[in-house]
Amino acid sequence: MEAFLGTIGTILGFGCTLMPIYTFYEAEKTKNLEKFSHLGMMVCNVNTIVWVVYAYLGNEMTILINTIVCGGLNFVYLLWYHKIKGDILEFVSKFLVTALIFVGSFIGLCSFNVIGQVATMVSLIGCFPPLEQIGLALKEKSHRYFDIVCIIPGFLCVNIWLWYGILTSNFHIIIPNIITFVIATMQILLYMWAKGYFESYILDELSKDYWKLSSIKKVNTL
């Protein structure tokens, strides 16, 4: 069962990773990058490096294959982002040097258990950049910050890997996928609320409070 879920998770994860291609194509034409979280993409790529090292040292072939396949595409997207932004050469030179130092330090200095803990921590950090977009969507009651074509398949993928983690008793997989499940659920609900598919008194009040908080911050910075 674990092998089946791992295979399905890898296939679904690869499909999810292909989803942003159209969004990037549109961004290429408009030079508008507001749908992308650069911090999120950076954390995602650091996450890939850590998980590759973890899976390789632990002989976790299912995780290794999934991470290499999906992580490779995520790195392409990061390069595409900087191509649109116009600083790709500067970014690549800095990122590659940092990544090589990072990997070398990990393999040379850290034990397998420590790498697993760091992989979990980086995955958890990667859960938080989407909160910025959630905040903007809540403030403006706008769905434009969410790429629902990517969120729905990603939500399904998270469920698969969550069950894989449960069946293999791997808390390094379980913990970040639980958090990601909650955040993805929030994104889907906010998207539907912003599109007017349902009314929510709680979300309406939170949106008003967000505006008040933003106004206070603006006054304090003047």
N, C-alpha and C. Protein backbone atom coordinates (compact mmCIF):
# COMPACT_ATOMS: atom_id res chain seq x y z
N MET A 1 0.83 -1.21 0.00
CA MET A 1 0.00 0.00 0.00
C MET A 1 0.86 1.26 0.00
N GLU A 2 1.95 1.22 0.78
CA GLU A 2 2.84 2.38 0.84
C GLU A 2 3.44 2.68 -0.54
N ALA A 3 3.86 1.59 -1.24
CA ALA A 3 4.46 1.76 -2.57
C ALA A 3 3.44 2.33 -3.55
N PHE A 4 2.19 1.87 -3.44
CA PHE A 4 1.12 2.36 -4.31
C PHE A 4 0.88 3.84 -4.07
N LEU A 5 0.74 4.23 -2.80
CA LEU A 5 0.52 5.64 -2.46
C LEU A 5 1.69 6.50 -2.89
N GLY A 6 2.92 5.97 -2.71
CA GLY A 6 4.11 6.71 -3.13
C GLY A 6 4.13 6.95 -4.62
N THR A 7 3.73 5.92 -5.39
CA THR A 7 3.68 6.05 -6.86
C THR A 7 2.62 7.05 -7.28
N ILE A 8 1.42 6.92 -6.70
CA ILE A 8 0.33 7.85 -7.01
C ILE A 8 0.72 9.27 -6.60
N GLY A 9 1.34 9.40 -5.43
CA GLY A 9 1.76 10.72 -4.95
C GLY A 9 2.79 11.35 -5.87
N THR A 10 3.71 10.54 -6.39
CA THR A 10 4.73 11.06 -7.31
C THR A 10 4.10 11.51 -8.62
N ILE A 11 3.20 10.67 -9.17
CA ILE A 11 2.53 11.02 -10.43
C ILE A 11 1.68 12.28 -10.26
N LEU A 12 0.91 12.31 -9.18
CA LEU A 12 0.05 13.47 -8.91
C LEU A 12 0.88 14.71 -8.62
N GLY A 13 1.99 14.50 -7.87
CA GLY A 13 2.88 15.63 -7.58
C GLY A 13 3.50 16.20 -8.83
N PHE A 14 3.89 15.32 -9.76
CA PHE A 14 4.45 15.79 -11.03
C PHE A 14 3.40 16.56 -11.83
N GLY A 15 2.16 16.03 -11.82
CA GLY A 15 1.07 16.74 -12.50
C GLY A 15 0.82 18.10 -11.89
N CYS A 16 0.86 18.17 -10.55
CA CYS A 16 0.68 19.46 -9.86
C CYS A 16 1.78 20.44 -10.22
N THR A 17 3.00 19.91 -10.33
CA THR A 17 4.14 20.77 -10.62
C THR A 17 4.07 21.33 -12.04
N LEU A 18 3.35 20.64 -12.93
CA LEU A 18 3.19 21.14 -14.30
C LEU A 18 2.16 22.26 -14.39
N MET A 19 1.27 22.34 -13.40
CA MET A 19 0.15 23.27 -13.45
C MET A 19 0.55 24.75 -13.62
N PRO A 20 1.61 25.22 -12.94
CA PRO A 20 1.92 26.66 -13.05
C PRO A 20 2.45 27.10 -14.42
N ILE A 21 2.67 26.18 -15.35
CA ILE A 21 3.26 26.55 -16.64
C ILE A 21 2.44 27.63 -17.33
N TYR A 22 1.12 27.45 -17.38
CA TYR A 22 0.28 28.44 -18.05
C TYR A 22 0.32 29.78 -17.33
N THR A 23 0.31 29.74 -16.00
CA THR A 23 0.37 30.98 -15.22
C THR A 23 1.67 31.72 -15.48
N PHE A 24 2.77 30.97 -15.57
CA PHE A 24 4.05 31.59 -15.88
C PHE A 24 4.06 32.15 -17.30
N TYR A 25 3.41 31.44 -18.21
CA TYR A 25 3.32 31.92 -19.60
C TYR A 25 2.58 33.25 -19.66
N GLU A 26 1.49 33.36 -18.90
CA GLU A 26 0.75 34.62 -18.83
C GLU A 26 1.60 35.71 -18.19
N ALA A 27 2.33 35.35 -17.13
CA ALA A 27 3.20 36.33 -16.46
C ALA A 27 4.31 36.80 -17.39
N GLU A 28 4.78 35.91 -18.25
CA GLU A 28 5.82 36.26 -19.22
C GLU A 28 5.32 37.37 -20.15
N LYS A 29 4.05 37.29 -20.51
CA LYS A 29 3.48 38.29 -21.43
C LYS A 29 3.17 39.60 -20.73
N THR A 30 2.66 39.52 -19.50
CA THR A 30 2.23 40.72 -18.79
C THR A 30 3.31 41.31 -17.88
N LYS A 31 4.35 40.52 -17.60
CA LYS A 31 5.41 40.91 -16.65
C LYS A 31 4.84 41.16 -15.25
N ASN A 32 3.73 40.51 -14.95
CA ASN A 32 3.07 40.63 -13.65
C ASN A 32 3.32 39.37 -12.84
N LEU A 33 4.01 39.50 -11.71
CA LEU A 33 4.39 38.34 -10.90
C LEU A 33 3.63 38.25 -9.58
N GLU A 34 2.49 38.93 -9.48
CA GLU A 34 1.79 39.01 -8.20
C GLU A 34 1.20 37.67 -7.74
N LYS A 35 0.99 36.74 -8.67
CA LYS A 35 0.44 35.44 -8.28
C LYS A 35 1.49 34.51 -7.69
N PHE A 36 2.74 34.94 -7.73
CA PHE A 36 3.82 34.08 -7.26
C PHE A 36 4.44 34.63 -5.98
N SER A 37 4.76 33.73 -5.09
CA SER A 37 5.47 34.10 -3.87
C SER A 37 6.94 33.71 -4.05
N HIS A 38 7.81 34.71 -4.23
CA HIS A 38 9.22 34.41 -4.44
C HIS A 38 9.81 33.71 -3.22
N LEU A 39 9.41 34.16 -2.04
CA LEU A 39 9.88 33.52 -0.82
C LEU A 39 9.45 32.05 -0.80
N GLY A 40 8.20 31.80 -1.20
CA GLY A 40 7.70 30.44 -1.24
C GLY A 40 8.50 29.56 -2.20
N MET A 41 8.85 30.10 -3.36
CA MET A 41 9.63 29.33 -4.33
C MET A 41 11.04 29.08 -3.84
N MET A 42 11.63 30.06 -3.16
CA MET A 42 12.98 29.88 -2.62
C MET A 42 12.98 28.79 -1.54
N VAL A 43 12.01 28.86 -0.64
CA VAL A 43 11.92 27.85 0.41
C VAL A 43 11.68 26.48 -0.19
N CYS A 44 10.85 26.43 -1.23
CA CYS A 44 10.55 25.16 -1.90
C CYS A 44 11.82 24.53 -2.47
N ASN A 45 12.70 25.35 -3.05
CA ASN A 45 13.92 24.82 -3.64
C ASN A 45 14.94 24.40 -2.58
N VAL A 46 15.01 25.15 -1.49
CA VAL A 46 15.86 24.73 -0.37
C VAL A 46 15.32 23.43 0.21
N ASN A 47 14.00 23.35 0.29
CA ASN A 47 13.34 22.14 0.78
C ASN A 47 13.71 20.93 -0.09
N THR A 48 13.73 21.14 -1.40
CA THR A 48 14.10 20.07 -2.32
C THR A 48 15.50 19.55 -2.04
N ILE A 49 16.43 20.47 -1.85
CA ILE A 49 17.83 20.08 -1.59
C ILE A 49 17.92 19.23 -0.32
N VAL A 50 17.25 19.69 0.74
CA VAL A 50 17.31 18.97 2.02
C VAL A 50 16.69 17.59 1.90
N TRP A 51 15.54 17.50 1.23
CA TRP A 51 14.86 16.21 1.10
C TRP A 51 15.62 15.24 0.20
N VAL A 52 16.30 15.75 -0.80
CA VAL A 52 17.13 14.88 -1.65
C VAL A 52 18.24 14.25 -0.81
N VAL A 53 18.90 15.07 0.00
CA VAL A 53 19.97 14.56 0.87
C VAL A 53 19.40 13.54 1.86
N TYR A 54 18.26 13.89 2.48
CA TYR A 54 17.62 12.99 3.46
C TYR A 54 17.24 11.65 2.82
N ALA A 55 16.58 11.70 1.66
CA ALA A 55 16.12 10.48 1.00
C ALA A 55 17.30 9.63 0.51
N TYR A 56 18.34 10.30 0.03
CA TYR A 56 19.52 9.57 -0.46
C TYR A 56 20.23 8.84 0.68
N LEU A 57 20.47 9.54 1.78
CA LEU A 57 21.16 8.93 2.92
C LEU A 57 20.32 7.85 3.59
N GLY A 58 18.99 8.01 3.56
CA GLY A 58 18.11 7.04 4.20
C GLY A 58 17.62 5.95 3.26
N ASN A 59 18.11 5.98 2.01
CA ASN A 59 17.71 4.99 1.00
C ASN A 59 16.19 4.96 0.82
N GLU A 60 15.59 6.16 0.88
CA GLU A 60 14.14 6.30 0.68
C GLU A 60 13.89 6.61 -0.79
N MET A 61 13.84 5.57 -1.62
CA MET A 61 13.80 5.76 -3.06
C MET A 61 12.51 6.44 -3.53
N THR A 62 11.38 6.12 -2.89
CA THR A 62 10.11 6.74 -3.28
C THR A 62 10.17 8.25 -3.09
N ILE A 63 10.67 8.67 -1.93
CA ILE A 63 10.78 10.10 -1.64
C ILE A 63 11.83 10.74 -2.55
N LEU A 64 12.94 10.03 -2.79
CA LEU A 64 14.01 10.57 -3.62
C LEU A 64 13.53 10.84 -5.04
N ILE A 65 12.84 9.87 -5.64
CA ILE A 65 12.34 10.03 -7.01
C ILE A 65 11.35 11.19 -7.09
N ASN A 66 10.40 11.23 -6.15
CA ASN A 66 9.40 12.30 -6.14
C ASN A 66 10.07 13.66 -5.99
N THR A 67 11.04 13.75 -5.10
CA THR A 67 11.69 15.04 -4.83
C THR A 67 12.51 15.51 -6.03
N ILE A 68 13.22 14.60 -6.67
CA ILE A 68 14.04 14.98 -7.83
C ILE A 68 13.15 15.42 -9.00
N VAL A 69 12.09 14.65 -9.25
CA VAL A 69 11.20 14.96 -10.38
C VAL A 69 10.50 16.31 -10.18
N CYS A 70 9.84 16.45 -9.03
CA CYS A 70 9.07 17.68 -8.77
C CYS A 70 9.99 18.85 -8.44
N GLY A 71 11.06 18.57 -7.69
CA GLY A 71 12.00 19.64 -7.33
C GLY A 71 12.72 20.21 -8.52
N GLY A 72 13.03 19.36 -9.51
CA GLY A 72 13.68 19.85 -10.72
C GLY A 72 12.82 20.86 -11.46
N LEU A 73 11.52 20.56 -11.55
CA LEU A 73 10.61 21.49 -12.21
C LEU A 73 10.45 22.78 -11.41
N ASN A 74 10.42 22.66 -10.09
CA ASN A 74 10.31 23.86 -9.25
C ASN A 74 11.51 24.78 -9.43
N PHE A 75 12.69 24.19 -9.65
CA PHE A 75 13.87 25.01 -9.90
C PHE A 75 13.76 25.72 -11.24
N VAL A 76 13.18 25.04 -12.24
CA VAL A 76 12.95 25.66 -13.55
C VAL A 76 12.01 26.86 -13.39
N TYR A 77 10.97 26.71 -12.56
CA TYR A 77 10.04 27.82 -12.33
C TYR A 77 10.73 29.00 -11.65
N LEU A 78 11.62 28.69 -10.73
CA LEU A 78 12.35 29.76 -10.05
C LEU A 78 13.22 30.52 -11.04
N LEU A 79 13.85 29.80 -11.95
CA LEU A 79 14.64 30.45 -13.00
C LEU A 79 13.74 31.27 -13.92
N TRP A 80 12.58 30.74 -14.23
CA TRP A 80 11.62 31.45 -15.09
C TRP A 80 11.18 32.75 -14.43
N TYR A 81 10.93 32.68 -13.13
CA TYR A 81 10.54 33.88 -12.37
C TYR A 81 11.60 34.97 -12.52
N HIS A 82 12.86 34.59 -12.35
CA HIS A 82 13.93 35.58 -12.44
C HIS A 82 14.21 36.02 -13.87
N LYS A 83 13.87 35.18 -14.83
CA LYS A 83 13.97 35.59 -16.23
C LYS A 83 12.97 36.70 -16.51
N ILE A 84 11.74 36.53 -16.00
CA ILE A 84 10.72 37.56 -16.16
C ILE A 84 11.13 38.83 -15.43
N LYS A 85 11.71 38.65 -14.25
CA LYS A 85 12.14 39.80 -13.44
C LYS A 85 13.35 40.50 -14.05
N GLY A 86 14.17 39.73 -14.79
CA GLY A 86 15.31 40.32 -15.48
C GLY A 86 16.63 40.23 -14.76
N ASP A 87 16.74 39.34 -13.76
CA ASP A 87 18.01 39.22 -13.02
C ASP A 87 18.46 37.76 -12.89
N ILE A 88 18.21 36.98 -13.93
CA ILE A 88 18.44 35.54 -13.85
C ILE A 88 19.92 35.18 -13.64
N LEU A 89 20.83 35.86 -14.33
CA LEU A 89 22.26 35.52 -14.20
C LEU A 89 22.78 35.80 -12.79
N GLU A 90 22.39 36.94 -12.25
CA GLU A 90 22.81 37.29 -10.89
C GLU A 90 22.25 36.29 -9.88
N PHE A 91 21.00 35.91 -10.07
CA PHE A 91 20.37 34.97 -9.15
C PHE A 91 21.04 33.60 -9.20
N VAL A 92 21.27 33.09 -10.41
CA VAL A 92 21.85 31.75 -10.56
C VAL A 92 23.21 31.67 -9.91
N SER A 93 24.04 32.68 -10.12
CA SER A 93 25.38 32.65 -9.55
C SER A 93 25.34 32.60 -8.02
N LYS A 94 24.45 33.37 -7.42
CA LYS A 94 24.34 33.39 -5.96
C LYS A 94 23.70 32.11 -5.43
N PHE A 95 22.66 31.64 -6.10
CA PHE A 95 21.92 30.48 -5.62
C PHE A 95 22.76 29.22 -5.68
N LEU A 96 23.46 29.01 -6.78
CA LEU A 96 24.24 27.79 -6.93
C LEU A 96 25.38 27.70 -5.92
N VAL A 97 26.06 28.82 -5.69
CA VAL A 97 27.15 28.83 -4.71
C VAL A 97 26.61 28.52 -3.32
N THR A 98 25.50 29.17 -2.97
CA THR A 98 24.88 28.94 -1.66
C THR A 98 24.42 27.50 -1.51
N ALA A 99 23.81 26.95 -2.58
CA ALA A 99 23.30 25.58 -2.53
C ALA A 99 24.43 24.58 -2.36
N LEU A 100 25.54 24.77 -3.06
CA LEU A 100 26.68 23.86 -2.95
C LEU A 100 27.27 23.86 -1.54
N ILE A 101 27.41 25.05 -0.97
CA ILE A 101 27.92 25.16 0.41
C ILE A 101 26.95 24.49 1.38
N PHE A 102 25.67 24.72 1.16
CA PHE A 102 24.61 24.17 2.01
C PHE A 102 24.65 22.64 2.01
N VAL A 103 24.68 22.05 0.82
CA VAL A 103 24.68 20.59 0.69
C VAL A 103 25.96 19.99 1.26
N GLY A 104 27.10 20.62 0.96
CA GLY A 104 28.37 20.13 1.48
C GLY A 104 28.42 20.13 2.99
N SER A 105 27.90 21.19 3.59
CA SER A 105 27.87 21.28 5.05
C SER A 105 26.97 20.22 5.66
N PHE A 106 25.82 20.00 5.02
CA PHE A 106 24.87 19.01 5.52
C PHE A 106 25.45 17.61 5.52
N ILE A 107 25.99 17.22 4.38
CA ILE A 107 26.50 15.85 4.26
C ILE A 107 27.69 15.63 5.19
N GLY A 108 28.51 16.66 5.33
CA GLY A 108 29.73 16.50 6.12
C GLY A 108 29.53 16.61 7.62
N LEU A 109 28.56 17.40 8.06
CA LEU A 109 28.46 17.73 9.48
C LEU A 109 27.25 17.13 10.20
N CYS A 110 26.19 16.80 9.48
CA CYS A 110 24.94 16.41 10.14
C CYS A 110 24.67 14.91 10.02
N SER A 111 24.06 14.36 11.06
CA SER A 111 23.64 12.97 11.04
C SER A 111 22.32 12.85 10.27
N PHE A 112 21.94 11.60 9.97
CA PHE A 112 20.71 11.35 9.22
C PHE A 112 19.49 11.88 9.97
N ASN A 113 19.42 11.65 11.28
CA ASN A 113 18.28 12.11 12.07
C ASN A 113 18.18 13.63 12.09
N VAL A 114 19.33 14.28 12.18
CA VAL A 114 19.34 15.75 12.18
C VAL A 114 18.85 16.28 10.84
N ILE A 115 19.29 15.65 9.75
CA ILE A 115 18.86 16.06 8.41
C ILE A 115 17.34 15.89 8.28
N GLY A 116 16.81 14.80 8.83
CA GLY A 116 15.36 14.59 8.81
C GLY A 116 14.62 15.68 9.56
N GLN A 117 15.15 16.08 10.70
CA GLN A 117 14.53 17.14 11.49
C GLN A 117 14.59 18.48 10.76
N VAL A 118 15.73 18.74 10.12
CA VAL A 118 15.87 19.99 9.36
C VAL A 118 14.92 19.98 8.16
N ALA A 119 14.79 18.81 7.50
CA ALA A 119 13.87 18.70 6.37
C ALA A 119 12.44 19.01 6.80
N THR A 120 12.06 18.51 7.96
CA THR A 120 10.72 18.79 8.50
C THR A 120 10.57 20.28 8.79
N MET A 121 11.58 20.88 9.39
CA MET A 121 11.53 22.30 9.75
C MET A 121 11.42 23.18 8.50
N VAL A 122 12.23 22.86 7.47
CA VAL A 122 12.19 23.65 6.23
C VAL A 122 10.83 23.49 5.55
N SER A 123 10.28 22.26 5.59
CA SER A 123 8.95 22.04 5.03
C SER A 123 7.90 22.88 5.75
N LEU A 124 8.03 22.98 7.07
CA LEU A 124 7.10 23.80 7.85
C LEU A 124 7.24 25.28 7.50
N ILE A 125 8.48 25.73 7.33
CA ILE A 125 8.71 27.12 6.92
C ILE A 125 8.06 27.37 5.56
N GLY A 126 8.14 26.36 4.69
CA GLY A 126 7.54 26.49 3.36
C GLY A 126 6.03 26.59 3.38
N CYS A 127 5.42 26.24 4.50
CA CYS A 127 3.96 26.35 4.61
C CYS A 127 3.49 27.78 4.82
N PHE A 128 4.38 28.67 5.26
CA PHE A 128 3.95 29.99 5.70
C PHE A 128 3.94 31.09 4.62
N PRO A 129 4.79 31.04 3.57
CA PRO A 129 4.68 32.08 2.54
C PRO A 129 3.29 32.24 1.94
N PRO A 130 2.51 31.15 1.72
CA PRO A 130 1.15 31.35 1.20
C PRO A 130 0.25 32.18 2.10
N LEU A 131 0.62 32.31 3.39
CA LEU A 131 -0.20 33.10 4.30
C LEU A 131 -0.22 34.57 3.89
N GLU A 132 0.85 35.02 3.22
CA GLU A 132 0.88 36.40 2.72
C GLU A 132 -0.23 36.61 1.70
N GLN A 133 -0.39 35.65 0.78
CA GLN A 133 -1.44 35.74 -0.22
C GLN A 133 -2.82 35.59 0.41
N ILE A 134 -2.90 34.75 1.43
CA ILE A 134 -4.17 34.59 2.15
C ILE A 134 -4.57 35.91 2.80
N GLY A 135 -3.59 36.61 3.38
CA GLY A 135 -3.85 37.91 4.00
C GLY A 135 -4.34 38.93 2.99
N LEU A 136 -3.71 38.98 1.82
CA LEU A 136 -4.12 39.93 0.78
C LEU A 136 -5.52 39.61 0.26
N ALA A 137 -5.79 38.31 0.07
CA ALA A 137 -7.11 37.90 -0.41
C ALA A 137 -8.19 38.26 0.61
N LEU A 138 -7.86 38.10 1.88
CA LEU A 138 -8.81 38.42 2.95
C LEU A 138 -9.05 39.92 3.02
N LYS A 139 -7.98 40.68 2.87
CA LYS A 139 -8.08 42.13 2.95
C LYS A 139 -8.92 42.70 1.80
N GLU A 140 -8.68 42.21 0.59
CA GLU A 140 -9.32 42.77 -0.60
C GLU A 140 -10.57 42.00 -1.04
N LYS A 141 -10.82 40.86 -0.37
CA LYS A 141 -11.88 39.94 -0.81
C LYS A 141 -11.74 39.68 -2.30
N SER A 142 -10.55 39.27 -2.69
CA SER A 142 -10.23 39.03 -4.09
C SER A 142 -9.64 37.64 -4.26
N HIS A 143 -10.05 36.97 -5.33
CA HIS A 143 -9.55 35.63 -5.62
C HIS A 143 -8.29 35.66 -6.50
N ARG A 144 -7.87 36.85 -6.94
CA ARG A 144 -6.79 36.93 -7.93
C ARG A 144 -5.43 36.49 -7.40
N TYR A 145 -5.30 36.36 -6.10
CA TYR A 145 -4.03 35.93 -5.52
C TYR A 145 -3.90 34.41 -5.48
N PHE A 146 -4.96 33.71 -5.83
CA PHE A 146 -4.95 32.25 -5.78
C PHE A 146 -5.01 31.66 -7.18
N ASP A 147 -4.11 30.74 -7.46
CA ASP A 147 -4.16 29.98 -8.71
C ASP A 147 -4.84 28.66 -8.39
N ILE A 148 -6.16 28.65 -8.51
CA ILE A 148 -6.94 27.49 -8.07
C ILE A 148 -6.63 26.25 -8.89
N VAL A 149 -6.16 26.44 -10.13
CA VAL A 149 -5.78 25.30 -10.98
C VAL A 149 -4.62 24.53 -10.36
N CYS A 150 -3.77 25.24 -9.62
CA CYS A 150 -2.65 24.59 -8.93
C CYS A 150 -3.04 24.12 -7.53
N ILE A 151 -3.92 24.87 -6.88
CA ILE A 151 -4.25 24.57 -5.48
C ILE A 151 -5.02 23.25 -5.34
N ILE A 152 -6.00 23.00 -6.21
CA ILE A 152 -6.83 21.80 -6.09
C ILE A 152 -6.00 20.52 -6.26
N PRO A 153 -5.21 20.39 -7.35
CA PRO A 153 -4.38 19.18 -7.46
C PRO A 153 -3.37 19.07 -6.32
N GLY A 154 -2.84 20.23 -5.88
CA GLY A 154 -1.90 20.22 -4.77
C GLY A 154 -2.55 19.71 -3.49
N PHE A 155 -3.81 20.08 -3.30
CA PHE A 155 -4.58 19.63 -2.14
C PHE A 155 -4.73 18.10 -2.16
N LEU A 156 -5.02 17.55 -3.33
CA LEU A 156 -5.13 16.09 -3.47
C LEU A 156 -3.79 15.41 -3.21
N CYS A 157 -2.73 16.02 -3.72
CA CYS A 157 -1.38 15.47 -3.55
C CYS A 157 -0.98 15.44 -2.07
N VAL A 158 -1.31 16.50 -1.37
CA VAL A 158 -1.01 16.57 0.07
C VAL A 158 -1.70 15.44 0.82
N ASN A 159 -2.95 15.16 0.44
CA ASN A 159 -3.69 14.07 1.09
C ASN A 159 -3.01 12.72 0.87
N ILE A 160 -2.55 12.49 -0.36
CA ILE A 160 -1.87 11.23 -0.67
C ILE A 160 -0.61 11.07 0.18
N TRP A 161 0.22 12.13 0.22
CA TRP A 161 1.49 12.04 0.97
C TRP A 161 1.26 12.00 2.48
N LEU A 162 0.17 12.60 2.92
CA LEU A 162 -0.17 12.52 4.34
C LEU A 162 -0.45 11.07 4.74
N TRP A 163 -1.23 10.38 3.92
CA TRP A 163 -1.53 8.97 4.20
C TRP A 163 -0.29 8.10 4.05
N TYR A 164 0.58 8.46 3.10
CA TYR A 164 1.84 7.72 2.94
C TYR A 164 2.67 7.86 4.22
N GLY A 165 2.73 9.06 4.74
CA GLY A 165 3.47 9.29 5.98
C GLY A 165 2.89 8.54 7.16
N ILE A 166 1.54 8.49 7.22
CA ILE A 166 0.88 7.76 8.30
C ILE A 166 1.18 6.26 8.22
N LEU A 167 1.09 5.70 7.01
CA LEU A 167 1.31 4.26 6.84
C LEU A 167 2.76 3.86 7.09
N THR A 168 3.69 4.78 6.79
CA THR A 168 5.11 4.47 7.01
C THR A 168 5.59 4.98 8.37
N SER A 169 4.68 5.60 9.13
CA SER A 169 5.01 6.15 10.46
C SER A 169 6.19 7.12 10.39
N ASN A 170 6.21 7.93 9.33
CA ASN A 170 7.30 8.89 9.12
C ASN A 170 6.78 10.29 9.48
N PHE A 171 7.12 10.74 10.69
CA PHE A 171 6.61 12.03 11.15
C PHE A 171 7.24 13.20 10.40
N HIS A 172 8.38 12.98 9.75
CA HIS A 172 8.98 14.03 8.92
C HIS A 172 8.07 14.35 7.73
N ILE A 173 7.26 13.39 7.33
CA ILE A 173 6.31 13.59 6.23
C ILE A 173 4.94 14.00 6.76
N ILE A 174 4.52 13.40 7.86
CA ILE A 174 3.18 13.65 8.41
C ILE A 174 3.00 15.11 8.83
N ILE A 175 3.93 15.63 9.61
CA ILE A 175 3.76 16.95 10.22
C ILE A 175 3.60 18.07 9.18
N PRO A 176 4.53 18.23 8.22
CA PRO A 176 4.36 19.32 7.25
C PRO A 176 3.13 19.15 6.36
N ASN A 177 2.74 17.90 6.08
CA ASN A 177 1.58 17.69 5.22
C ASN A 177 0.27 18.00 5.94
N ILE A 178 0.24 17.83 7.26
CA ILE A 178 -0.94 18.25 8.02
C ILE A 178 -1.10 19.77 7.94
N ILE A 179 0.01 20.49 8.16
CA ILE A 179 -0.04 21.96 8.09
C ILE A 179 -0.42 22.42 6.69
N THR A 180 0.17 21.79 5.67
CA THR A 180 -0.13 22.15 4.28
C THR A 180 -1.60 21.87 3.95
N PHE A 181 -2.13 20.79 4.48
CA PHE A 181 -3.54 20.45 4.29
C PHE A 181 -4.44 21.57 4.83
N VAL A 182 -4.12 22.06 6.01
CA VAL A 182 -4.91 23.14 6.63
C VAL A 182 -4.83 24.41 5.79
N ILE A 183 -3.62 24.77 5.34
CA ILE A 183 -3.44 26.00 4.56
C ILE A 183 -4.13 25.90 3.21
N ALA A 184 -4.01 24.74 2.56
CA ALA A 184 -4.68 24.55 1.26
C ALA A 184 -6.19 24.63 1.41
N THR A 185 -6.71 24.08 2.51
CA THR A 185 -8.15 24.17 2.78
C THR A 185 -8.57 25.63 2.95
N MET A 186 -7.75 26.41 3.66
CA MET A 186 -8.03 27.84 3.84
C MET A 186 -8.04 28.56 2.49
N GLN A 187 -7.08 28.23 1.62
CA GLN A 187 -7.01 28.87 0.31
C GLN A 187 -8.25 28.57 -0.52
N ILE A 188 -8.68 27.32 -0.51
CA ILE A 188 -9.86 26.93 -1.28
C ILE A 188 -11.11 27.64 -0.76
N LEU A 189 -11.27 27.68 0.56
CA LEU A 189 -12.43 28.34 1.15
C LEU A 189 -12.43 29.84 0.85
N LEU A 190 -11.25 30.47 0.97
CA LEU A 190 -11.16 31.91 0.69
C LEU A 190 -11.43 32.20 -0.79
N TYR A 191 -10.96 31.34 -1.65
CA TYR A 191 -11.21 31.51 -3.09
C TYR A 191 -12.71 31.46 -3.37
N MET A 192 -13.38 30.47 -2.80
CA MET A 192 -14.83 30.32 -3.02
C MET A 192 -15.59 31.49 -2.41
N TRP A 193 -15.13 31.96 -1.24
CA TRP A 193 -15.77 33.11 -0.58
C TRP A 193 -15.59 34.38 -1.41
N ALA A 194 -14.37 34.59 -1.91
CA ALA A 194 -14.09 35.79 -2.71
C ALA A 194 -14.85 35.77 -4.04
N LYS A 195 -15.07 34.57 -4.58
CA LYS A 195 -15.82 34.45 -5.83
C LYS A 195 -17.33 34.56 -5.62
N GLY A 196 -17.75 34.58 -4.35
CA GLY A 196 -19.17 34.72 -4.05
C GLY A 196 -19.95 33.42 -4.06
N TYR A 197 -19.25 32.28 -3.96
CA TYR A 197 -19.94 31.00 -3.95
C TYR A 197 -20.67 30.75 -2.63
N PHE A 198 -20.23 31.42 -1.58
CA PHE A 198 -20.94 31.32 -0.31
C PHE A 198 -20.64 32.56 0.52
N GLU A 199 -21.52 32.85 1.48
CA GLU A 199 -21.35 33.98 2.37
C GLU A 199 -20.83 33.49 3.73
N SER A 200 -19.97 34.28 4.34
CA SER A 200 -19.44 33.92 5.66
C SER A 200 -19.32 35.16 6.52
N TYR A 201 -20.09 35.20 7.59
CA TYR A 201 -20.03 36.33 8.52
C TYR A 201 -18.64 36.45 9.13
N ILE A 202 -18.05 35.31 9.47
CA ILE A 202 -16.72 35.30 10.11
C ILE A 202 -15.67 35.89 9.17
N LEU A 203 -15.67 35.44 7.91
CA LEU A 203 -14.68 35.95 6.95
C LEU A 203 -14.92 37.43 6.65
N ASP A 204 -16.19 37.84 6.58
CA ASP A 204 -16.49 39.26 6.35
C ASP A 204 -15.94 40.12 7.49
N GLU A 205 -16.11 39.65 8.72
CA GLU A 205 -15.61 40.39 9.88
C GLU A 205 -14.08 40.41 9.91
N LEU A 206 -13.47 39.28 9.56
CA LEU A 206 -12.01 39.22 9.51
C LEU A 206 -11.47 40.17 8.46
N SER A 207 -12.18 40.27 7.33
CA SER A 207 -11.76 41.18 6.27
C SER A 207 -11.81 42.63 6.75
N LYS A 208 -12.87 42.98 7.47
CA LYS A 208 -12.99 44.34 8.02
C LYS A 208 -11.88 44.62 9.03
N ASP A 209 -11.61 43.64 9.89
CA ASP A 209 -10.55 43.80 10.90
C ASP A 209 -9.19 43.94 10.23
N TYR A 210 -8.99 43.22 9.14
CA TYR A 210 -7.72 43.30 8.42
C TYR A 210 -7.52 44.71 7.85
N TRP A 211 -8.61 45.29 7.32
CA TRP A 211 -8.53 46.65 6.80
C TRP A 211 -8.20 47.65 7.92
N LYS A 212 -8.85 47.48 9.08
CA LYS A 212 -8.60 48.37 10.22
C LYS A 212 -7.14 48.27 10.66
N LEU A 213 -6.62 47.04 10.75
CA LEU A 213 -5.23 46.83 11.16
C LEU A 213 -4.27 47.46 10.16
N SER A 214 -4.58 47.32 8.86
CA SER A 214 -3.73 47.90 7.82
C SER A 214 -3.74 49.42 7.91
N SER A 215 -4.91 49.99 8.20
CA SER A 215 -5.02 51.45 8.32
C SER A 215 -4.21 51.96 9.50
N ILE A 216 -4.24 51.22 10.62
CA ILE A 216 -3.47 51.61 11.81
C ILE A 216 -1.97 51.59 11.50
N LYS A 217 -1.53 50.55 10.79
CA LYS A 217 -0.11 50.44 10.44
C LYS A 217 0.33 51.59 9.55
N LYS A 218 -0.55 51.98 8.59
CA LYS A 218 -0.21 53.08 7.70
C LYS A 218 -0.08 54.39 8.47
N VAL A 219 -1.01 54.61 9.44
CA VAL A 219 -0.96 55.83 10.25
C VAL A 219 0.32 55.87 11.07
N ASN A 220 0.71 54.73 11.63
CA ASN A 220 1.90 54.66 12.48
C ASN A 220 3.19 54.87 11.71
N THR A 221 3.16 54.58 10.41
CA THR A 221 4.38 54.74 9.60
C THR A 221 4.51 56.14 9.01
N LEU A 222 3.44 56.94 9.12
CA LEU A 222 3.50 58.31 8.58
C LEU A 222 4.31 59.23 9.49
